[in-house]
Amino acid sequence: MKGKSHPSKKVLLYFVASVAFNLSLAFTGTSPERTSPLPLQRSKPYQCAAFLERKGRMGRGKIVIRRIDNSTNRQVTFSKRRNGLLKKAKELAILCDAEVGLIVFSSTGKLYDFSSTR
């Protein structure tokens, strides 16, 4: 298996790239629909943006990243992902003894923030 990377390394790299991208959006004010460093997958239109594409394997599949049309689903997804992002920022600050600052604005303009102290 020389030359092939371990699946967990790919997941870690994807996570690091997506966190860095989301943080860059927070500082530049750019909409994620306009630019993305990760390739988007094209598929048939479905009602939920997080439609799982299964390829005959167990576990989680890839999701299509696009705006969620249903406002209730969009709010629930925002809330869950916001909490996950805040949790990861806290973990990064604790594990790596780093100073971390995170600012998130909702679509209604509400502010959510996290900052670490030493």
PDB file of N, CA and C in Angstrom:
ATOM      1  N   MET A   1       0.812  -1.188   0.000  1.00  0.00           N
ATOM      2  CA  MET A   1       0.000   0.000   0.000  1.00  0.00           C
ATOM      3  C   MET A   1       0.862   1.260   0.000  1.00  0.00           C
ATOM      4  N   LYS A   2       1.988   1.173  -0.663  1.00  0.00           N
ATOM      5  CA  LYS A   2       2.883   2.309  -0.704  1.00  0.00           C
ATOM      6  C   LYS A   2       2.248   3.421  -1.543  1.00  0.00           C
ATOM      7  N   GLY A   3       2.297   4.650  -1.039  1.00  0.00           N
ATOM      8  CA  GLY A   3       1.776   5.789  -1.788  1.00  0.00           C
ATOM      9  C   GLY A   3       0.335   6.144  -1.449  1.00  0.00           C
ATOM     10  N   LYS A   4      -0.379   5.258  -0.754  1.00  0.00           N
ATOM     11  CA  LYS A   4      -1.765   5.558  -0.393  1.00  0.00           C
ATOM     12  C   LYS A   4      -1.794   6.112   1.022  1.00  0.00           C
ATOM     13  N   SER A   5      -2.650   7.139   1.225  1.00  0.00           N
ATOM     14  CA  SER A   5      -2.738   7.711   2.572  1.00  0.00           C
ATOM     15  C   SER A   5      -3.855   7.035   3.349  1.00  0.00           C
ATOM     16  N   HIS A   6      -3.716   7.046   4.631  1.00  0.00           N
ATOM     17  CA  HIS A   6      -4.699   6.448   5.526  1.00  0.00           C
ATOM     18  C   HIS A   6      -5.981   7.283   5.504  1.00  0.00           C
ATOM     19  N   PRO A   7      -7.174   6.666   5.541  1.00  0.00           N
ATOM     20  CA  PRO A   7      -8.426   7.427   5.480  1.00  0.00           C
ATOM     21  C   PRO A   7      -8.557   8.475   6.574  1.00  0.00           C
ATOM     22  N   SER A   8      -8.037   8.204   7.777  1.00  0.00           N
ATOM     23  CA  SER A   8      -8.159   9.193   8.854  1.00  0.00           C
ATOM     24  C   SER A   8      -7.327  10.438   8.553  1.00  0.00           C
ATOM     25  N   LYS A   9      -6.230  10.292   7.817  1.00  0.00           N
ATOM     26  CA  LYS A   9      -5.435  11.449   7.436  1.00  0.00           C
ATOM     27  C   LYS A   9      -6.210  12.332   6.477  1.00  0.00           C
ATOM     28  N   LYS A  10      -6.964  11.705   5.562  1.00  0.00           N
ATOM     29  CA  LYS A  10      -7.773  12.473   4.619  1.00  0.00           C
ATOM     30  C   LYS A  10      -8.858  13.244   5.363  1.00  0.00           C
ATOM     31  N   VAL A  11      -9.470  12.613   6.340  1.00  0.00           N
ATOM     32  CA  VAL A  11     -10.512  13.270   7.122  1.00  0.00           C
ATOM     33  C   VAL A  11      -9.924  14.450   7.881  1.00  0.00           C
ATOM     34  N   LEU A  12      -8.758  14.262   8.482  1.00  0.00           N
ATOM     35  CA  LEU A  12      -8.109  15.331   9.225  1.00  0.00           C
ATOM     36  C   LEU A  12      -7.755  16.491   8.302  1.00  0.00           C
ATOM     37  N   LEU A  13      -7.196  16.185   7.133  1.00  0.00           N
ATOM     38  CA  LEU A  13      -6.851  17.239   6.186  1.00  0.00           C
ATOM     39  C   LEU A  13      -8.090  17.975   5.713  1.00  0.00           C
ATOM     40  N   TYR A  14      -9.185  17.241   5.467  1.00  0.00           N
ATOM     41  CA  TYR A  14     -10.428  17.871   5.042  1.00  0.00           C
ATOM     42  C   TYR A  14     -10.943  18.782   6.146  1.00  0.00           C
ATOM     43  N   PHE A  15     -10.871  18.318   7.406  1.00  0.00           N
ATOM     44  CA  PHE A  15     -11.348  19.123   8.530  1.00  0.00           C
ATOM     45  C   PHE A  15     -10.515  20.396   8.664  1.00  0.00           C
ATOM     46  N   VAL A  16      -9.198  20.273   8.583  1.00  0.00           N
ATOM     47  CA  VAL A  16      -8.324  21.432   8.718  1.00  0.00           C
ATOM     48  C   VAL A  16      -8.609  22.431   7.595  1.00  0.00           C
ATOM     49  N   ALA A  17      -8.770  21.923   6.368  1.00  0.00           N
ATOM     50  CA  ALA A  17      -9.048  22.810   5.236  1.00  0.00           C
ATOM     51  C   ALA A  17     -10.395  23.498   5.400  1.00  0.00           C
ATOM     52  N   SER A  18     -11.411  22.767   5.860  1.00  0.00           N
ATOM     53  CA  SER A  18     -12.735  23.370   5.986  1.00  0.00           C
ATOM     54  C   SER A  18     -12.768  24.383   7.128  1.00  0.00           C
ATOM     55  N   VAL A  19     -12.073  24.099   8.242  1.00  0.00           N
ATOM     56  CA  VAL A  19     -12.032  25.064   9.351  1.00  0.00           C
ATOM     57  C   VAL A  19     -11.297  26.322   8.911  1.00  0.00           C
ATOM     58  N   ALA A  20     -10.168  26.154   8.236  1.00  0.00           N
ATOM     59  CA  ALA A  20      -9.409  27.316   7.760  1.00  0.00           C
ATOM     60  C   ALA A  20     -10.250  28.131   6.781  1.00  0.00           C
ATOM     61  N   PHE A  21     -10.976  27.468   5.911  1.00  0.00           N
ATOM     62  CA  PHE A  21     -11.829  28.152   4.948  1.00  0.00           C
ATOM     63  C   PHE A  21     -12.930  28.915   5.660  1.00  0.00           C
ATOM     64  N   ASN A  22     -13.597  28.282   6.633  1.00  0.00           N
ATOM     65  CA  ASN A  22     -14.669  28.954   7.363  1.00  0.00           C
ATOM     66  C   ASN A  22     -14.145  30.135   8.164  1.00  0.00           C
ATOM     67  N   LEU A  23     -12.962  30.002   8.739  1.00  0.00           N
ATOM     68  CA  LEU A  23     -12.373  31.116   9.471  1.00  0.00           C
ATOM     69  C   LEU A  23     -12.014  32.252   8.525  1.00  0.00           C
ATOM     70  N   SER A  24     -11.523  31.922   7.327  1.00  0.00           N
ATOM     71  CA  SER A  24     -11.203  32.974   6.367  1.00  0.00           C
ATOM     72  C   SER A  24     -12.470  33.699   5.926  1.00  0.00           C
ATOM     73  N   LEU A  25     -13.584  32.986   5.829  1.00  0.00           N
ATOM     74  CA  LEU A  25     -14.850  33.629   5.480  1.00  0.00           C
ATOM     75  C   LEU A  25     -15.276  34.611   6.567  1.00  0.00           C
ATOM     76  N   ALA A  26     -15.039  34.241   7.818  1.00  0.00           N
ATOM     77  CA  ALA A  26     -15.425  35.107   8.928  1.00  0.00           C
ATOM     78  C   ALA A  26     -14.645  36.422   8.884  1.00  0.00           C
ATOM     79  N   PHE A  27     -13.382  36.373   8.474  1.00  0.00           N
ATOM     80  CA  PHE A  27     -12.575  37.575   8.459  1.00  0.00           C
ATOM     81  C   PHE A  27     -12.762  38.392   7.182  1.00  0.00           C
ATOM     82  N   THR A  28     -13.073  37.752   6.062  1.00  0.00           N
ATOM     83  CA  THR A  28     -13.219  38.485   4.810  1.00  0.00           C
ATOM     84  C   THR A  28     -14.657  38.871   4.517  1.00  0.00           C
ATOM     85  N   GLY A  29     -15.616  38.213   5.177  1.00  0.00           N
ATOM     86  CA  GLY A  29     -17.022  38.520   4.922  1.00  0.00           C
ATOM     87  C   GLY A  29     -17.522  37.945   3.610  1.00  0.00           C
ATOM     88  N   THR A  30     -16.816  36.962   3.070  1.00  0.00           N
ATOM     89  CA  THR A  30     -17.188  36.355   1.801  1.00  0.00           C
ATOM     90  C   THR A  30     -18.236  35.283   2.028  1.00  0.00           C
ATOM     91  N   SER A  31     -19.155  35.159   1.105  1.00  0.00           N
ATOM     92  CA  SER A  31     -20.187  34.132   1.198  1.00  0.00           C
ATOM     93  C   SER A  31     -19.630  32.799   0.734  1.00  0.00           C
ATOM     94  N   PRO A  32     -19.951  31.673   1.431  1.00  0.00           N
ATOM     95  CA  PRO A  32     -19.413  30.371   1.019  1.00  0.00           C
ATOM     96  C   PRO A  32     -19.958  29.908  -0.320  1.00  0.00           C
ATOM     97  N   GLU A  33     -21.085  30.481  -0.793  1.00  0.00           N
ATOM     98  CA  GLU A  33     -21.623  30.065  -2.086  1.00  0.00           C
ATOM     99  C   GLU A  33     -20.766  30.583  -3.233  1.00  0.00           C
ATOM    100  N   ARG A  34     -20.023  31.670  -3.005  1.00  0.00           N
ATOM    101  CA  ARG A  34     -19.251  32.274  -4.078  1.00  0.00           C
ATOM    102  C   ARG A  34     -17.948  31.548  -4.357  1.00  0.00           C
ATOM    103  N   THR A  35     -17.235  31.188  -3.282  1.00  0.00           N
ATOM    104  CA  THR A  35     -15.930  30.550  -3.455  1.00  0.00           C
ATOM    105  C   THR A  35     -15.808  29.381  -2.504  1.00  0.00           C
ATOM    106  N   SER A  36     -15.060  28.385  -2.910  1.00  0.00           N
ATOM    107  CA  SER A  36     -14.814  27.250  -2.041  1.00  0.00           C
ATOM    108  C   SER A  36     -13.489  26.610  -2.423  1.00  0.00           C
ATOM    109  N   PRO A  37     -12.605  26.342  -1.439  1.00  0.00           N
ATOM    110  CA  PRO A  37     -11.339  25.704  -1.767  1.00  0.00           C
ATOM    111  C   PRO A  37     -11.493  24.214  -2.017  1.00  0.00           C
ATOM    112  N   LEU A  38     -12.628  23.648  -1.623  1.00  0.00           N
ATOM    113  CA  LEU A  38     -12.845  22.221  -1.786  1.00  0.00           C
ATOM    114  C   LEU A  38     -13.791  21.975  -2.955  1.00  0.00           C
ATOM    115  N   PRO A  39     -13.568  20.921  -3.742  1.00  0.00           N
ATOM    116  CA  PRO A  39     -14.433  20.683  -4.892  1.00  0.00           C
ATOM    117  C   PRO A  39     -15.855  20.320  -4.457  1.00  0.00           C
ATOM    118  N   LEU A  40     -16.826  20.911  -5.137  1.00  0.00           N
ATOM    119  CA  LEU A  40     -18.222  20.596  -4.860  1.00  0.00           C
ATOM    120  C   LEU A  40     -18.645  19.416  -5.719  1.00  0.00           C
ATOM    121  N   GLN A  41     -19.514  18.590  -5.182  1.00  0.00           N
ATOM    122  CA  GLN A  41     -20.015  17.455  -5.942  1.00  0.00           C
ATOM    123  C   GLN A  41     -21.341  17.829  -6.565  1.00  0.00           C
ATOM    124  N   ARG A  42     -21.512  17.514  -7.824  1.00  0.00           N
ATOM    125  CA  ARG A  42     -22.759  17.787  -8.525  1.00  0.00           C
ATOM    126  C   ARG A  42     -23.633  16.538  -8.446  1.00  0.00           C
ATOM    127  N   SER A  43     -24.898  16.732  -8.192  1.00  0.00           N
ATOM    128  CA  SER A  43     -25.806  15.598  -8.146  1.00  0.00           C
ATOM    129  C   SER A  43     -27.202  16.086  -8.499  1.00  0.00           C
ATOM    130  N   LYS A  44     -28.154  15.184  -8.475  1.00  0.00           N
ATOM    131  CA  LYS A  44     -29.535  15.548  -8.750  1.00  0.00           C
ATOM    132  C   LYS A  44     -30.035  16.465  -7.642  1.00  0.00           C
ATOM    133  N   PRO A  45     -30.946  17.386  -7.966  1.00  0.00           N
ATOM    134  CA  PRO A  45     -31.452  18.275  -6.922  1.00  0.00           C
ATOM    135  C   PRO A  45     -32.304  17.527  -5.908  1.00  0.00           C
ATOM    136  N   TYR A  46     -32.005  17.686  -4.655  1.00  0.00           N
ATOM    137  CA  TYR A  46     -32.771  17.096  -3.569  1.00  0.00           C
ATOM    138  C   TYR A  46     -33.235  18.213  -2.655  1.00  0.00           C
ATOM    139  N   GLN A  47     -34.196  17.938  -1.803  1.00  0.00           N
ATOM    140  CA  GLN A  47     -34.726  18.983  -0.945  1.00  0.00           C
ATOM    141  C   GLN A  47     -33.737  19.394   0.130  1.00  0.00           C
ATOM    142  N   CYS A  48     -32.999  18.481   0.663  1.00  0.00           N
ATOM    143  CA  CYS A  48     -32.054  18.793   1.731  1.00  0.00           C
ATOM    144  C   CYS A  48     -30.648  18.891   1.143  1.00  0.00           C
ATOM    145  N   ALA A  49     -29.914  19.935   1.525  1.00  0.00           N
ATOM    146  CA  ALA A  49     -28.565  20.130   0.985  1.00  0.00           C
ATOM    147  C   ALA A  49     -27.601  19.084   1.501  1.00  0.00           C
ATOM    148  N   ALA A  50     -27.909  18.486   2.627  1.00  0.00           N
ATOM    149  CA  ALA A  50     -26.998  17.521   3.236  1.00  0.00           C
ATOM    150  C   ALA A  50     -27.377  16.097   2.847  1.00  0.00           C
ATOM    151  N   PHE A  51     -27.797  15.896   1.610  1.00  0.00           N
ATOM    152  CA  PHE A  51     -28.146  14.554   1.139  1.00  0.00           C
ATOM    153  C   PHE A  51     -26.897  13.687   1.126  1.00  0.00           C
ATOM    154  N   LEU A  52     -26.980  12.541   1.767  1.00  0.00           N
ATOM    155  CA  LEU A  52     -25.824  11.661   1.854  1.00  0.00           C
ATOM    156  C   LEU A  52     -25.704  10.816   0.600  1.00  0.00           C
ATOM    157  N   GLU A  53     -24.542  10.829   0.002  1.00  0.00           N
ATOM    158  CA  GLU A  53     -24.286  10.003  -1.163  1.00  0.00           C
ATOM    159  C   GLU A  53     -23.586   8.738  -0.705  1.00  0.00           C
ATOM    160  N   ARG A  54     -24.270   7.641  -0.739  1.00  0.00           N
ATOM    161  CA  ARG A  54     -23.684   6.374  -0.293  1.00  0.00           C
ATOM    162  C   ARG A  54     -23.142   5.623  -1.501  1.00  0.00           C
ATOM    163  N   LYS A  55     -21.997   5.030  -1.324  1.00  0.00           N
ATOM    164  CA  LYS A  55     -21.361   4.291  -2.416  1.00  0.00           C
ATOM    165  C   LYS A  55     -21.133   2.851  -2.012  1.00  0.00           C
ATOM    166  N   GLY A  56     -22.155   2.221  -1.437  1.00  0.00           N
ATOM    167  CA  GLY A  56     -22.050   0.819  -1.087  1.00  0.00           C
ATOM    168  C   GLY A  56     -21.237   0.538   0.156  1.00  0.00           C
ATOM    169  N   ARG A  57     -20.958   1.562   0.950  1.00  0.00           N
ATOM    170  CA  ARG A  57     -20.180   1.382   2.161  1.00  0.00           C
ATOM    171  C   ARG A  57     -21.008   1.805   3.360  1.00  0.00           C
ATOM    172  N   MET A  58     -20.650   1.275   4.505  1.00  0.00           N
ATOM    173  CA  MET A  58     -21.314   1.668   5.742  1.00  0.00           C
ATOM    174  C   MET A  58     -20.705   2.982   6.250  1.00  0.00           C
ATOM    175  N   GLY A  59     -21.391   3.644   7.141  1.00  0.00           N
ATOM    176  CA  GLY A  59     -20.867   4.862   7.744  1.00  0.00           C
ATOM    177  C   GLY A  59     -21.404   6.101   7.059  1.00  0.00           C
ATOM    178  N   ARG A  60     -20.774   7.197   7.359  1.00  0.00           N
ATOM    179  CA  ARG A  60     -21.210   8.470   6.804  1.00  0.00           C
ATOM    180  C   ARG A  60     -20.744   8.606   5.361  1.00  0.00           C
ATOM    181  N   GLY A  61     -21.567   9.233   4.562  1.00  0.00           N
ATOM    182  CA  GLY A  61     -21.203   9.489   3.175  1.00  0.00           C
ATOM    183  C   GLY A  61     -20.821  10.943   3.004  1.00  0.00           C
ATOM    184  N   LYS A  62     -20.471  11.313   1.792  1.00  0.00           N
ATOM    185  CA  LYS A  62     -20.153  12.700   1.497  1.00  0.00           C
ATOM    186  C   LYS A  62     -21.454  13.482   1.373  1.00  0.00           C
ATOM    187  N   ILE A  63     -21.412  14.757   1.702  1.00  0.00           N
ATOM    188  CA  ILE A  63     -22.594  15.591   1.553  1.00  0.00           C
ATOM    189  C   ILE A  63     -22.335  16.651   0.497  1.00  0.00           C
ATOM    190  N   VAL A  64     -23.389  17.068  -0.153  1.00  0.00           N
ATOM    191  CA  VAL A  64     -23.295  18.132  -1.134  1.00  0.00           C
ATOM    192  C   VAL A  64     -23.400  19.445  -0.369  1.00  0.00           C
ATOM    193  N   ILE A  65     -22.411  20.307  -0.541  1.00  0.00           N
ATOM    194  CA  ILE A  65     -22.397  21.574   0.178  1.00  0.00           C
ATOM    195  C   ILE A  65     -23.091  22.624  -0.680  1.00  0.00           C
ATOM    196  N   ARG A  66     -24.268  23.002  -0.257  1.00  0.00           N
ATOM    197  CA  ARG A  66     -25.011  24.086  -0.891  1.00  0.00           C
ATOM    198  C   ARG A  66     -26.020  24.603   0.118  1.00  0.00           C
ATOM    199  N   ARG A  67     -26.651  25.727  -0.183  1.00  0.00           N
ATOM    200  CA  ARG A  67     -27.597  26.351   0.737  1.00  0.00           C
ATOM    201  C   ARG A  67     -28.788  25.434   0.980  1.00  0.00           C
ATOM    202  N   ILE A  68     -29.222  25.337   2.239  1.00  0.00           N
ATOM    203  CA  ILE A  68     -30.383  24.530   2.596  1.00  0.00           C
ATOM    204  C   ILE A  68     -31.621  25.386   2.398  1.00  0.00           C
ATOM    205  N   ASP A  69     -32.545  24.925   1.561  1.00  0.00           N
ATOM    206  CA  ASP A  69     -33.722  25.709   1.211  1.00  0.00           C
ATOM    207  C   ASP A  69     -34.722  25.810   2.357  1.00  0.00           C
ATOM    208  N   ASN A  70     -34.926  24.721   3.083  1.00  0.00           N
ATOM    209  CA  ASN A  70     -35.891  24.698   4.177  1.00  0.00           C
ATOM    210  C   ASN A  70     -35.324  25.488   5.362  1.00  0.00           C
ATOM    211  N   SER A  71     -36.044  26.544   5.787  1.00  0.00           N
ATOM    212  CA  SER A  71     -35.510  27.425   6.835  1.00  0.00           C
ATOM    213  C   SER A  71     -35.360  26.717   8.180  1.00  0.00           C
ATOM    214  N   THR A  72     -36.271  25.798   8.499  1.00  0.00           N
ATOM    215  CA  THR A  72     -36.165  25.068   9.767  1.00  0.00           C
ATOM    216  C   THR A  72     -34.927  24.177   9.769  1.00  0.00           C
ATOM    217  N   ASN A  73     -34.731  23.425   8.691  1.00  0.00           N
ATOM    218  CA  ASN A  73     -33.542  22.562   8.579  1.00  0.00           C
ATOM    219  C   ASN A  73     -32.262  23.399   8.584  1.00  0.00           C
ATOM    220  N   ARG A  74     -32.310  24.562   7.919  1.00  0.00           N
ATOM    221  CA  ARG A  74     -31.136  25.433   7.867  1.00  0.00           C
ATOM    222  C   ARG A  74     -30.771  25.925   9.264  1.00  0.00           C
ATOM    223  N   GLN A  75     -31.776  26.319  10.061  1.00  0.00           N
ATOM    224  CA  GLN A  75     -31.522  26.809  11.418  1.00  0.00           C
ATOM    225  C   GLN A  75     -30.967  25.705  12.316  1.00  0.00           C
ATOM    226  N   VAL A  76     -31.532  24.505  12.198  1.00  0.00           N
ATOM    227  CA  VAL A  76     -31.056  23.375  13.006  1.00  0.00           C
ATOM    228  C   VAL A  76     -29.607  23.043  12.638  1.00  0.00           C
ATOM    229  N   THR A  77     -29.314  23.019  11.340  1.00  0.00           N
ATOM    230  CA  THR A  77     -27.956  22.728  10.878  1.00  0.00           C
ATOM    231  C   THR A  77     -26.987  23.795  11.358  1.00  0.00           C
ATOM    232  N   PHE A  78     -27.387  25.068  11.260  1.00  0.00           N
ATOM    233  CA  PHE A  78     -26.526  26.159  11.728  1.00  0.00           C
ATOM    234  C   PHE A  78     -26.221  25.997  13.212  1.00  0.00           C
ATOM    235  N   SER A  79     -27.243  25.704  13.994  1.00  0.00           N
ATOM    236  CA  SER A  79     -27.073  25.572  15.438  1.00  0.00           C
ATOM    237  C   SER A  79     -26.114  24.430  15.784  1.00  0.00           C
ATOM    238  N   LYS A  80     -26.305  23.281  15.153  1.00  0.00           N
ATOM    239  CA  LYS A  80     -25.447  22.130  15.433  1.00  0.00           C
ATOM    240  C   LYS A  80     -24.003  22.385  15.004  1.00  0.00           C
ATOM    241  N   ARG A  81     -23.828  22.927  13.799  1.00  0.00           N
ATOM    242  CA  ARG A  81     -22.474  23.163  13.295  1.00  0.00           C
ATOM    243  C   ARG A  81     -21.777  24.287  14.062  1.00  0.00           C
ATOM    244  N   ARG A  82     -22.537  25.308  14.483  1.00  0.00           N
ATOM    245  CA  ARG A  82     -21.977  26.385  15.294  1.00  0.00           C
ATOM    246  C   ARG A  82     -21.457  25.828  16.616  1.00  0.00           C
ATOM    247  N   ASN A  83     -22.276  25.000  17.270  1.00  0.00           N
ATOM    248  CA  ASN A  83     -21.839  24.405  18.538  1.00  0.00           C
ATOM    249  C   ASN A  83     -20.615  23.521  18.352  1.00  0.00           C
ATOM    250  N   GLY A  84     -20.581  22.771  17.248  1.00  0.00           N
ATOM    251  CA  GLY A  84     -19.416  21.929  16.957  1.00  0.00           C
ATOM    252  C   GLY A  84     -18.163  22.748  16.714  1.00  0.00           C
ATOM    253  N   LEU A  85     -18.312  23.862  15.992  1.00  0.00           N
ATOM    254  CA  LEU A  85     -17.171  24.724  15.705  1.00  0.00           C
ATOM    255  C   LEU A  85     -16.652  25.386  16.985  1.00  0.00           C
ATOM    256  N   LEU A  86     -17.570  25.833  17.856  1.00  0.00           N
ATOM    257  CA  LEU A  86     -17.163  26.419  19.131  1.00  0.00           C
ATOM    258  C   LEU A  86     -16.455  25.386  20.004  1.00  0.00           C
ATOM    259  N   LYS A  87     -16.949  24.141  19.996  1.00  0.00           N
ATOM    260  CA  LYS A  87     -16.329  23.071  20.779  1.00  0.00           C
ATOM    261  C   LYS A  87     -14.916  22.785  20.269  1.00  0.00           C
ATOM    262  N   LYS A  88     -14.747  22.730  18.941  1.00  0.00           N
ATOM    263  CA  LYS A  88     -13.427  22.469  18.368  1.00  0.00           C
ATOM    264  C   LYS A  88     -12.456  23.604  18.675  1.00  0.00           C
ATOM    265  N   ALA A  89     -12.927  24.836  18.662  1.00  0.00           N
ATOM    266  CA  ALA A  89     -12.064  25.972  18.988  1.00  0.00           C
ATOM    267  C   ALA A  89     -11.593  25.869  20.435  1.00  0.00           C
ATOM    268  N   LYS A  90     -12.500  25.488  21.340  1.00  0.00           N
ATOM    269  CA  LYS A  90     -12.139  25.332  22.752  1.00  0.00           C
ATOM    270  C   LYS A  90     -11.118  24.203  22.913  1.00  0.00           C
ATOM    271  N   GLU A  91     -11.346  23.074  22.237  1.00  0.00           N
ATOM    272  CA  GLU A  91     -10.424  21.944  22.317  1.00  0.00           C
ATOM    273  C   GLU A  91      -9.046  22.310  21.786  1.00  0.00           C
ATOM    274  N   LEU A  92      -9.012  23.061  20.685  1.00  0.00           N
ATOM    275  CA  LEU A  92      -7.733  23.488  20.105  1.00  0.00           C
ATOM    276  C   LEU A  92      -6.967  24.362  21.089  1.00  0.00           C
ATOM    277  N   ALA A  93      -7.680  25.255  21.756  1.00  0.00           N
ATOM    278  CA  ALA A  93      -7.034  26.133  22.732  1.00  0.00           C
ATOM    279  C   ALA A  93      -6.467  25.341  23.901  1.00  0.00           C
ATOM    280  N   ILE A  94      -7.211  24.341  24.368  1.00  0.00           N
ATOM    281  CA  ILE A  94      -6.762  23.545  25.516  1.00  0.00           C
ATOM    282  C   ILE A  94      -5.617  22.618  25.137  1.00  0.00           C
ATOM    283  N   LEU A  95      -5.781  21.854  24.063  1.00  0.00           N
ATOM    284  CA  LEU A  95      -4.797  20.848  23.678  1.00  0.00           C
ATOM    285  C   LEU A  95      -3.470  21.451  23.238  1.00  0.00           C
ATOM    286  N   CYS A  96      -3.524  22.548  22.501  1.00  0.00           N
ATOM    287  CA  CYS A  96      -2.302  23.108  21.920  1.00  0.00           C
ATOM    288  C   CYS A  96      -1.814  24.352  22.636  1.00  0.00           C
ATOM    289  N   ASP A  97      -2.474  24.737  23.723  1.00  0.00           N
ATOM    290  CA  ASP A  97      -2.115  25.934  24.470  1.00  0.00           C
ATOM    291  C   ASP A  97      -2.003  27.129  23.531  1.00  0.00           C
ATOM    292  N   ALA A  98      -3.001  27.236  22.636  1.00  0.00           N
ATOM    293  CA  ALA A  98      -3.010  28.312  21.646  1.00  0.00           C
ATOM    294  C   ALA A  98      -4.049  29.356  22.027  1.00  0.00           C
ATOM    295  N   GLU A  99      -3.810  30.569  21.588  1.00  0.00           N
ATOM    296  CA  GLU A  99      -4.812  31.615  21.756  1.00  0.00           C
ATOM    297  C   GLU A  99      -5.738  31.547  20.550  1.00  0.00           C
ATOM    298  N   VAL A 100      -7.001  31.271  20.802  1.00  0.00           N
ATOM    299  CA  VAL A 100      -7.971  31.070  19.725  1.00  0.00           C
ATOM    300  C   VAL A 100      -9.092  32.080  19.875  1.00  0.00           C
ATOM    301  N   GLY A 101      -9.471  32.690  18.783  1.00  0.00           N
ATOM    302  CA  GLY A 101     -10.612  33.592  18.752  1.00  0.00           C
ATOM    303  C   GLY A 101     -11.531  33.183  17.618  1.00  0.00           C
ATOM    304  N   LEU A 102     -12.826  33.138  17.883  1.00  0.00           N
ATOM    305  CA  LEU A 102     -13.789  32.724  16.868  1.00  0.00           C
ATOM    306  C   LEU A 102     -14.998  33.646  16.932  1.00  0.00           C
ATOM    307  N   ILE A 103     -15.403  34.167  15.781  1.00  0.00           N
ATOM    308  CA  ILE A 103     -16.585  35.023  15.691  1.00  0.00           C
ATOM    309  C   ILE A 103     -17.503  34.438  14.626  1.00  0.00           C
ATOM    310  N   VAL A 104     -18.768  34.224  14.980  1.00  0.00           N
ATOM    311  CA  VAL A 104     -19.759  33.685  14.046  1.00  0.00           C
ATOM    312  C   VAL A 104     -20.982  34.590  14.085  1.00  0.00           C
ATOM    313  N   PHE A 105     -21.454  35.005  12.916  1.00  0.00           N
ATOM    314  CA  PHE A 105     -22.688  35.768  12.810  1.00  0.00           C
ATOM    315  C   PHE A 105     -23.738  34.893  12.142  1.00  0.00           C
ATOM    316  N   SER A 106     -24.945  34.851  12.705  1.00  0.00           N
ATOM    317  CA  SER A 106     -26.035  34.096  12.097  1.00  0.00           C
ATOM    318  C   SER A 106     -26.620  34.914  10.946  1.00  0.00           C
ATOM    319  N   SER A 107     -27.535  34.319  10.197  1.00  0.00           N
ATOM    320  CA  SER A 107     -28.170  35.020   9.082  1.00  0.00           C
ATOM    321  C   SER A 107     -29.028  36.180   9.574  1.00  0.00           C
ATOM    322  N   THR A 108     -29.445  36.138  10.836  1.00  0.00           N
ATOM    323  CA  THR A 108     -30.229  37.232  11.410  1.00  0.00           C
ATOM    324  C   THR A 108     -29.332  38.302  12.021  1.00  0.00           C
ATOM    325  N   GLY A 109     -28.032  38.091  12.017  1.00  0.00           N
ATOM    326  CA  GLY A 109     -27.087  39.070  12.529  1.00  0.00           C
ATOM    327  C   GLY A 109     -26.690  38.859  13.980  1.00  0.00           C
ATOM    328  N   LYS A 110     -27.141  37.781  14.594  1.00  0.00           N
ATOM    329  CA  LYS A 110     -26.788  37.512  15.985  1.00  0.00           C
ATOM    330  C   LYS A 110     -25.331  37.038  16.055  1.00  0.00           C
ATOM    331  N   LEU A 111     -24.624  37.525  17.084  1.00  0.00           N
ATOM    332  CA  LEU A 111     -23.203  37.235  17.242  1.00  0.00           C
ATOM    333  C   LEU A 111     -22.984  36.086  18.211  1.00  0.00           C
ATOM    334  N   TYR A 112     -22.111  35.165  17.832  1.00  0.00           N
ATOM    335  CA  TYR A 112     -21.652  34.082  18.703  1.00  0.00           C
ATOM    336  C   TYR A 112     -20.128  34.143  18.673  1.00  0.00           C
ATOM    337  N   ASP A 113     -19.512  34.114  19.853  1.00  0.00           N
ATOM    338  CA  ASP A 113     -18.057  34.256  19.864  1.00  0.00           C
ATOM    339  C   ASP A 113     -17.427  33.331  20.904  1.00  0.00           C
ATOM    340  N   PHE A 114     -16.140  33.121  20.708  1.00  0.00           N
ATOM    341  CA  PHE A 114     -15.321  32.354  21.640  1.00  0.00           C
ATOM    342  C   PHE A 114     -13.933  32.965  21.629  1.00  0.00           C
ATOM    343  N   SER A 115     -13.358  33.126  22.802  1.00  0.00           N
ATOM    344  CA  SER A 115     -11.958  33.546  22.880  1.00  0.00           C
ATOM    345  C   SER A 115     -11.311  32.822  24.050  1.00  0.00           C
ATOM    346  N   SER A 116     -10.101  32.383  23.833  1.00  0.00           N
ATOM    347  CA  SER A 116      -9.391  31.652  24.874  1.00  0.00           C
ATOM    348  C   SER A 116      -8.469  32.608  25.620  1.00  0.00           C
ATOM    349  N   THR A 117      -8.208  32.261  26.859  1.00  0.00           N
ATOM    350  CA  THR A 117      -7.251  33.007  27.663  1.00  0.00           C
ATOM    351  C   THR A 117      -6.260  32.016  28.235  1.00  0.00           C
ATOM    352  N   ARG A 118      -5.098  32.472  28.543  1.00  0.00           N
ATOM    353  CA  ARG A 118      -4.068  31.564  29.058  1.00  0.00           C
ATOM    354  C   ARG A 118      -4.176  31.417  30.524  1.00  0.00           C
TER     355      ARG A 118
END
